[in-house]
Structure formats: C-alpha cells, structure tokens
PDB file of N, CA and C in Angstrom:
ATOM      1  N   MET A   1       0.847  -1.174   0.000  1.00  0.00           N
ATOM      2  CA  MET A   1       0.000   0.000   0.000  1.00  0.00           C
ATOM      3  C   MET A   1       0.891   1.235   0.000  1.00  0.00           C
ATOM      4  N   LEU A   2       0.598   2.141  -0.882  1.00  0.00           N
ATOM      5  CA  LEU A   2       1.356   3.384  -0.992  1.00  0.00           C
ATOM      6  C   LEU A   2       0.384   4.536  -1.074  1.00  0.00           C
ATOM      7  N   LEU A   3       0.494   5.486  -0.149  1.00  0.00           N
ATOM      8  CA  LEU A   3      -0.398   6.645  -0.109  1.00  0.00           C
ATOM      9  C   LEU A   3      -1.866   6.225  -0.119  1.00  0.00           C
ATOM     10  N   GLY A   4      -2.163   5.151   0.607  1.00  0.00           N
ATOM     11  CA  GLY A   4      -3.536   4.701   0.723  1.00  0.00           C
ATOM     12  C   GLY A   4      -4.067   3.954  -0.483  1.00  0.00           C
ATOM     13  N   VAL A   5      -3.201   3.627  -1.448  1.00  0.00           N
ATOM     14  CA  VAL A   5      -3.629   2.927  -2.657  1.00  0.00           C
ATOM     15  C   VAL A   5      -2.983   1.560  -2.677  1.00  0.00           C
ATOM     16  N   THR A   6      -3.802   0.536  -2.838  1.00  0.00           N
ATOM     17  CA  THR A   6      -3.291  -0.824  -2.941  1.00  0.00           C
ATOM     18  C   THR A   6      -3.180  -1.185  -4.411  1.00  0.00           C
ATOM     19  N   GLY A   7      -2.064  -1.796  -4.799  1.00  0.00           N
ATOM     20  CA  GLY A   7      -1.898  -2.200  -6.181  1.00  0.00           C
ATOM     21  C   GLY A   7      -0.499  -2.700  -6.441  1.00  0.00           C
ATOM     22  N   VAL A   8      -0.153  -2.851  -7.701  1.00  0.00           N
ATOM     23  CA  VAL A   8       1.181  -3.298  -8.100  1.00  0.00           C
ATOM     24  C   VAL A   8       1.751  -2.324  -9.112  1.00  0.00           C
ATOM     25  N   TYR A   9       3.052  -2.386  -9.283  1.00  0.00           N
ATOM     26  CA  TYR A   9       3.730  -1.535 -10.252  1.00  0.00           C
ATOM     27  C   TYR A   9       3.860  -2.307 -11.548  1.00  0.00           C
ATOM     28  N   GLY A  10       2.890  -2.289 -12.388  1.00  0.00           N
ATOM     29  CA  GLY A  10       2.904  -2.794 -13.748  1.00  0.00           C
ATOM     30  C   GLY A  10       3.503  -4.149 -14.030  1.00  0.00           C
ATOM     31  N   GLY A  11       4.139  -4.811 -13.109  1.00  0.00           N
ATOM     32  CA  GLY A  11       4.698  -6.129 -13.332  1.00  0.00           C
ATOM     33  C   GLY A  11       6.082  -6.127 -13.978  1.00  0.00           C
ATOM     34  N   GLU A  12       6.512  -5.018 -14.566  1.00  0.00           N
ATOM     35  CA  GLU A  12       7.837  -4.976 -15.170  1.00  0.00           C
ATOM     36  C   GLU A  12       8.879  -4.619 -14.114  1.00  0.00           C
ATOM     37  N   SER A  13      10.134  -4.815 -14.440  1.00  0.00           N
ATOM     38  CA  SER A  13      11.191  -4.500 -13.493  1.00  0.00           C
ATOM     39  C   SER A  13      11.365  -2.983 -13.385  1.00  0.00           C
ATOM     40  N   ILE A  14      11.849  -2.574 -12.244  1.00  0.00           N
ATOM     41  CA  ILE A  14      12.057  -1.150 -11.978  1.00  0.00           C
ATOM     42  C   ILE A  14      13.511  -0.819 -12.304  1.00  0.00           C
ATOM     43  N   ASN A  15      13.732   0.308 -12.974  1.00  0.00           N
ATOM     44  CA  ASN A  15      15.048   0.680 -13.467  1.00  0.00           C
ATOM     45  C   ASN A  15      15.524   1.963 -12.786  1.00  0.00           C
ATOM     46  N   ALA A  16      16.611   1.866 -12.007  1.00  0.00           N
ATOM     47  CA  ALA A  16      17.143   3.018 -11.274  1.00  0.00           C
ATOM     48  C   ALA A  16      18.323   3.630 -12.021  1.00  0.00           C
ATOM     49  N   GLN A  17      18.575   4.920 -11.772  1.00  0.00           N
ATOM     50  CA  GLN A  17      19.680   5.628 -12.402  1.00  0.00           C
ATOM     51  C   GLN A  17      20.398   6.474 -11.352  1.00  0.00           C
ATOM     52  N   ALA A  18      21.720   6.496 -11.422  1.00  0.00           N
ATOM     53  CA  ALA A  18      22.523   7.393 -10.581  1.00  0.00           C
ATOM     54  C   ALA A  18      23.000   8.545 -11.463  1.00  0.00           C
ATOM     55  N   LYS A  19      23.032   9.741 -10.906  1.00  0.00           N
ATOM     56  CA  LYS A  19      23.478  10.918 -11.658  1.00  0.00           C
ATOM     57  C   LYS A  19      24.420  11.749 -10.809  1.00  0.00           C
ATOM     58  N   SER A  20      25.169  12.605 -11.492  1.00  0.00           N
ATOM     59  CA  SER A  20      26.000  13.582 -10.792  1.00  0.00           C
ATOM     60  C   SER A  20      25.695  14.954 -11.368  1.00  0.00           C
ATOM     61  N   ALA A  21      25.986  15.984 -10.574  1.00  0.00           N
ATOM     62  CA  ALA A  21      25.695  17.353 -11.004  1.00  0.00           C
ATOM     63  C   ALA A  21      26.812  18.271 -10.522  1.00  0.00           C
ATOM     64  N   THR A  22      26.985  19.352 -11.238  1.00  0.00           N
ATOM     65  CA  THR A  22      27.948  20.387 -10.872  1.00  0.00           C
ATOM     66  C   THR A  22      27.181  21.567 -10.290  1.00  0.00           C
ATOM     67  N   PRO A  23      27.594  22.099  -9.145  1.00  0.00           N
ATOM     68  CA  PRO A  23      26.883  23.231  -8.553  1.00  0.00           C
ATOM     69  C   PRO A  23      26.786  24.408  -9.524  1.00  0.00           C
ATOM     70  N   SER A  24      25.730  25.176  -9.378  1.00  0.00           N
ATOM     71  CA  SER A  24      25.484  26.318 -10.245  1.00  0.00           C
ATOM     72  C   SER A  24      24.854  27.426  -9.414  1.00  0.00           C
ATOM     73  N   PHE A  25      24.843  28.631  -9.956  1.00  0.00           N
ATOM     74  CA  PHE A  25      24.189  29.742  -9.261  1.00  0.00           C
ATOM     75  C   PHE A  25      22.705  29.786  -9.580  1.00  0.00           C
ATOM     76  N   THR A  26      22.243  28.892 -10.435  1.00  0.00           N
ATOM     77  CA  THR A  26      20.819  28.810 -10.756  1.00  0.00           C
ATOM     78  C   THR A  26      20.272  27.488 -10.256  1.00  0.00           C
ATOM     79  N   GLN A  27      18.978  27.455 -10.022  1.00  0.00           N
ATOM     80  CA  GLN A  27      18.315  26.246  -9.552  1.00  0.00           C
ATOM     81  C   GLN A  27      18.411  25.154 -10.608  1.00  0.00           C
ATOM     82  N   GLN A  28      18.617  23.924 -10.154  1.00  0.00           N
ATOM     83  CA  GLN A  28      18.664  22.780 -11.051  1.00  0.00           C
ATOM     84  C   GLN A  28      17.623  21.756 -10.611  1.00  0.00           C
ATOM     85  N   THR A  29      16.976  21.142 -11.554  1.00  0.00           N
ATOM     86  CA  THR A  29      16.075  20.038 -11.278  1.00  0.00           C
ATOM     87  C   THR A  29      16.711  18.790 -11.854  1.00  0.00           C
ATOM     88  N   ILE A  30      16.950  17.820 -11.001  1.00  0.00           N
ATOM     89  CA  ILE A  30      17.613  16.598 -11.431  1.00  0.00           C
ATOM     90  C   ILE A  30      16.582  15.481 -11.430  1.00  0.00           C
ATOM     91  N   GLN A  31      16.332  14.944 -12.599  1.00  0.00           N
ATOM     92  CA  GLN A  31      15.331  13.893 -12.752  1.00  0.00           C
ATOM     93  C   GLN A  31      15.933  12.742 -13.543  1.00  0.00           C
ATOM     94  N   PRO A  32      15.350  11.562 -13.408  1.00  0.00           N
ATOM     95  CA  PRO A  32      15.850  10.429 -14.196  1.00  0.00           C
ATOM     96  C   PRO A  32      15.578  10.639 -15.679  1.00  0.00           C
ATOM     97  N   ASP A  33      16.464  10.103 -16.513  1.00  0.00           N
ATOM     98  CA  ASP A  33      16.282  10.151 -17.957  1.00  0.00           C
ATOM     99  C   ASP A  33      15.147   9.222 -18.371  1.00  0.00           C
ATOM    100  N   ASP A  34      14.692   9.364 -19.604  1.00  0.00           N
ATOM    101  CA  ASP A  34      13.674   8.461 -20.136  1.00  0.00           C
ATOM    102  C   ASP A  34      14.166   7.024 -20.014  1.00  0.00           C
ATOM    103  N   GLY A  35      13.275   6.148 -19.646  1.00  0.00           N
ATOM    104  CA  GLY A  35      13.624   4.741 -19.491  1.00  0.00           C
ATOM    105  C   GLY A  35      14.010   4.367 -18.073  1.00  0.00           C
ATOM    106  N   TYR A  36      14.146   5.370 -17.188  1.00  0.00           N
ATOM    107  CA  TYR A  36      14.454   5.112 -15.781  1.00  0.00           C
ATOM    108  C   TYR A  36      13.256   5.513 -14.934  1.00  0.00           C
ATOM    109  N   ASP A  37      13.070   4.771 -13.835  1.00  0.00           N
ATOM    110  CA  ASP A  37      11.914   5.021 -12.976  1.00  0.00           C
ATOM    111  C   ASP A  37      12.216   5.976 -11.828  1.00  0.00           C
ATOM    112  N   TYR A  38      13.443   5.956 -11.345  1.00  0.00           N
ATOM    113  CA  TYR A  38      13.792   6.834 -10.226  1.00  0.00           C
ATOM    114  C   TYR A  38      15.306   6.991 -10.159  1.00  0.00           C
ATOM    115  N   LEU A  39      15.754   7.922  -9.312  1.00  0.00           N
ATOM    116  CA  LEU A  39      17.181   8.132  -9.089  1.00  0.00           C
ATOM    117  C   LEU A  39      17.596   7.362  -7.839  1.00  0.00           C
ATOM    118  N   SER A  40      18.601   6.526  -7.970  1.00  0.00           N
ATOM    119  CA  SER A  40      19.101   5.776  -6.825  1.00  0.00           C
ATOM    120  C   SER A  40      20.093   6.609  -6.009  1.00  0.00           C
ATOM    121  N   ALA A  41      20.740   7.574  -6.673  1.00  0.00           N
ATOM    122  CA  ALA A  41      21.694   8.454  -5.993  1.00  0.00           C
ATOM    123  C   ALA A  41      21.940   9.681  -6.857  1.00  0.00           C
ATOM    124  N   VAL A  42      22.183  10.799  -6.184  1.00  0.00           N
ATOM    125  CA  VAL A  42      22.596  12.022  -6.872  1.00  0.00           C
ATOM    126  C   VAL A  42      23.826  12.543  -6.139  1.00  0.00           C
ATOM    127  N   THR A  43      24.926  12.694  -6.860  1.00  0.00           N
ATOM    128  CA  THR A  43      26.166  13.192  -6.288  1.00  0.00           C
ATOM    129  C   THR A  43      26.382  14.611  -6.789  1.00  0.00           C
ATOM    130  N   ILE A  44      26.526  15.557  -5.856  1.00  0.00           N
ATOM    131  CA  ILE A  44      26.769  16.953  -6.193  1.00  0.00           C
ATOM    132  C   ILE A  44      28.248  17.232  -5.944  1.00  0.00           C
ATOM    133  N   ALA A  45      28.939  17.706  -6.967  1.00  0.00           N
ATOM    134  CA  ALA A  45      30.364  18.017  -6.845  1.00  0.00           C
ATOM    135  C   ALA A  45      30.567  19.187  -5.884  1.00  0.00           C
ATOM    136  N   ALA A  46      31.733  19.241  -5.286  1.00  0.00           N
ATOM    137  CA  ALA A  46      32.068  20.361  -4.405  1.00  0.00           C
ATOM    138  C   ALA A  46      32.287  21.621  -5.243  1.00  0.00           C
ATOM    139  N   ILE A  47      31.998  22.771  -4.650  1.00  0.00           N
ATOM    140  CA  ILE A  47      32.261  24.044  -5.325  1.00  0.00           C
ATOM    141  C   ILE A  47      33.764  24.287  -5.244  1.00  0.00           C
ATOM    142  N   PRO A  48      34.420  24.513  -6.388  1.00  0.00           N
ATOM    143  CA  PRO A  48      35.862  24.723  -6.363  1.00  0.00           C
ATOM    144  C   PRO A  48      36.235  26.019  -5.632  1.00  0.00           C
ATOM    145  N   VAL A  49      37.206  25.917  -4.740  1.00  0.00           N
ATOM    146  CA  VAL A  49      37.684  27.074  -3.975  1.00  0.00           C
ATOM    147  C   VAL A  49      39.212  27.060  -4.020  1.00  0.00           C
ATOM    148  N   ALA A  50      39.811  28.228  -4.297  1.00  0.00           N
ATOM    149  CA  ALA A  50      41.269  28.345  -4.316  1.00  0.00           C
ATOM    150  C   ALA A  50      41.685  29.503  -3.415  1.00  0.00           C
ATOM    151  N   TYR A  51      42.761  29.317  -2.655  1.00  0.00           N
ATOM    152  CA  TYR A  51      43.290  30.342  -1.760  1.00  0.00           C
ATOM    153  C   TYR A  51      44.676  30.739  -2.241  1.00  0.00           C
ATOM    154  N   ALA A  52      44.983  32.029  -2.186  1.00  0.00           N
ATOM    155  CA  ALA A  52      46.314  32.504  -2.572  1.00  0.00           C
ATOM    156  C   ALA A  52      46.701  33.680  -1.680  1.00  0.00           C
ATOM    157  N   ASP A  53      47.959  33.687  -1.245  1.00  0.00           N
ATOM    158  CA  ASP A  53      48.460  34.834  -0.483  1.00  0.00           C
ATOM    159  C   ASP A  53      48.494  36.048  -1.407  1.00  0.00           C
ATOM    160  N   ASN A  54      48.185  37.240  -0.848  1.00  0.00           N
ATOM    161  CA  ASN A  54      48.197  38.451  -1.679  1.00  0.00           C
ATOM    162  C   ASN A  54      49.224  39.450  -1.147  1.00  0.00           C
ATOM    163  N   ALA A  55      49.461  40.503  -1.932  1.00  0.00           N
ATOM    164  CA  ALA A  55      50.490  41.497  -1.625  1.00  0.00           C
ATOM    165  C   ALA A  55      50.190  42.278  -0.342  1.00  0.00           C
ATOM    166  N   ALA A  56      48.934  42.342   0.079  1.00  0.00           N
ATOM    167  CA  ALA A  56      48.559  43.076   1.275  1.00  0.00           C
ATOM    168  C   ALA A  56      48.785  42.242   2.532  1.00  0.00           C
ATOM    169  N   GLY A  57      49.277  41.025   2.392  1.00  0.00           N
ATOM    170  CA  GLY A  57      49.541  40.169   3.539  1.00  0.00           C
ATOM    171  C   GLY A  57      48.356  39.305   3.928  1.00  0.00           C
ATOM    172  N   GLY A  58      47.308  39.354   3.161  1.00  0.00           N
ATOM    173  CA  GLY A  58      46.143  38.535   3.436  1.00  0.00           C
ATOM    174  C   GLY A  58      46.051  37.371   2.455  1.00  0.00           C
ATOM    175  N   ARG A  59      44.863  36.855   2.339  1.00  0.00           N
ATOM    176  CA  ARG A  59      44.645  35.756   1.405  1.00  0.00           C
ATOM    177  C   ARG A  59      43.478  36.104   0.499  1.00  0.00           C
ATOM    178  N   THR A  60      43.629  35.777  -0.754  1.00  0.00           N
ATOM    179  CA  THR A  60      42.556  35.960  -1.739  1.00  0.00           C
ATOM    180  C   THR A  60      41.865  34.614  -1.940  1.00  0.00           C
ATOM    181  N   VAL A  61      40.553  34.639  -1.894  1.00  0.00           N
ATOM    182  CA  VAL A  61      39.771  33.419  -2.085  1.00  0.00           C
ATOM    183  C   VAL A  61      39.055  33.535  -3.418  1.00  0.00           C
ATOM    184  N   THR A  62      39.218  32.538  -4.266  1.00  0.00           N
ATOM    185  CA  THR A  62      38.521  32.480  -5.541  1.00  0.00           C
ATOM    186  C   THR A  62      37.546  31.323  -5.486  1.00  0.00           C
ATOM    187  N   ILE A  63      36.269  31.618  -5.701  1.00  0.00           N
ATOM    188  CA  ILE A  63      35.225  30.596  -5.670  1.00  0.00           C
ATOM    189  C   ILE A  63      34.706  30.413  -7.082  1.00  0.00           C
ATOM    190  N   GLY A  64      34.664  29.168  -7.505  1.00  0.00           N
ATOM    191  CA  GLY A  64      34.092  28.879  -8.813  1.00  0.00           C
ATOM    192  C   GLY A  64      35.069  28.503  -9.841  1.00  0.00           C
TER     193      GLY A  64
END
C-alpha cells in the first residue's frame, strides 16, 4: 500500500539511475532520464575554492 492505494507496479522491473551534477548559481532540477523510474543516488560536486596569499599580507579566495 502506498499513499492509501493498494496495487502493483505494472509487473515490469524497476530501473534506477545514478546521476551527478555540478553546482550552479541557478536552480537545477535533477530527474531520471527516459527509461528510468527513479534516481538511486545524486552526487553533487564540491564548489571549487582556491586560496592565494596576496600582496597586502592577506589571502585571496577564488570561488568557482
């Protein structure tokens, strides 16, 4: 029973897909491709960050 509905899922096998994504400044919707029923995992890459000493004696941080 799912959400108060009793039944079966069509009798065919269920096909899962894993995906990865790169962070962005815009919203992303991650969905399974055609032929897949659901996402088994979604891996989001880390946002690249670089640090460098600067002439003022501090550190410059570059994101992205």
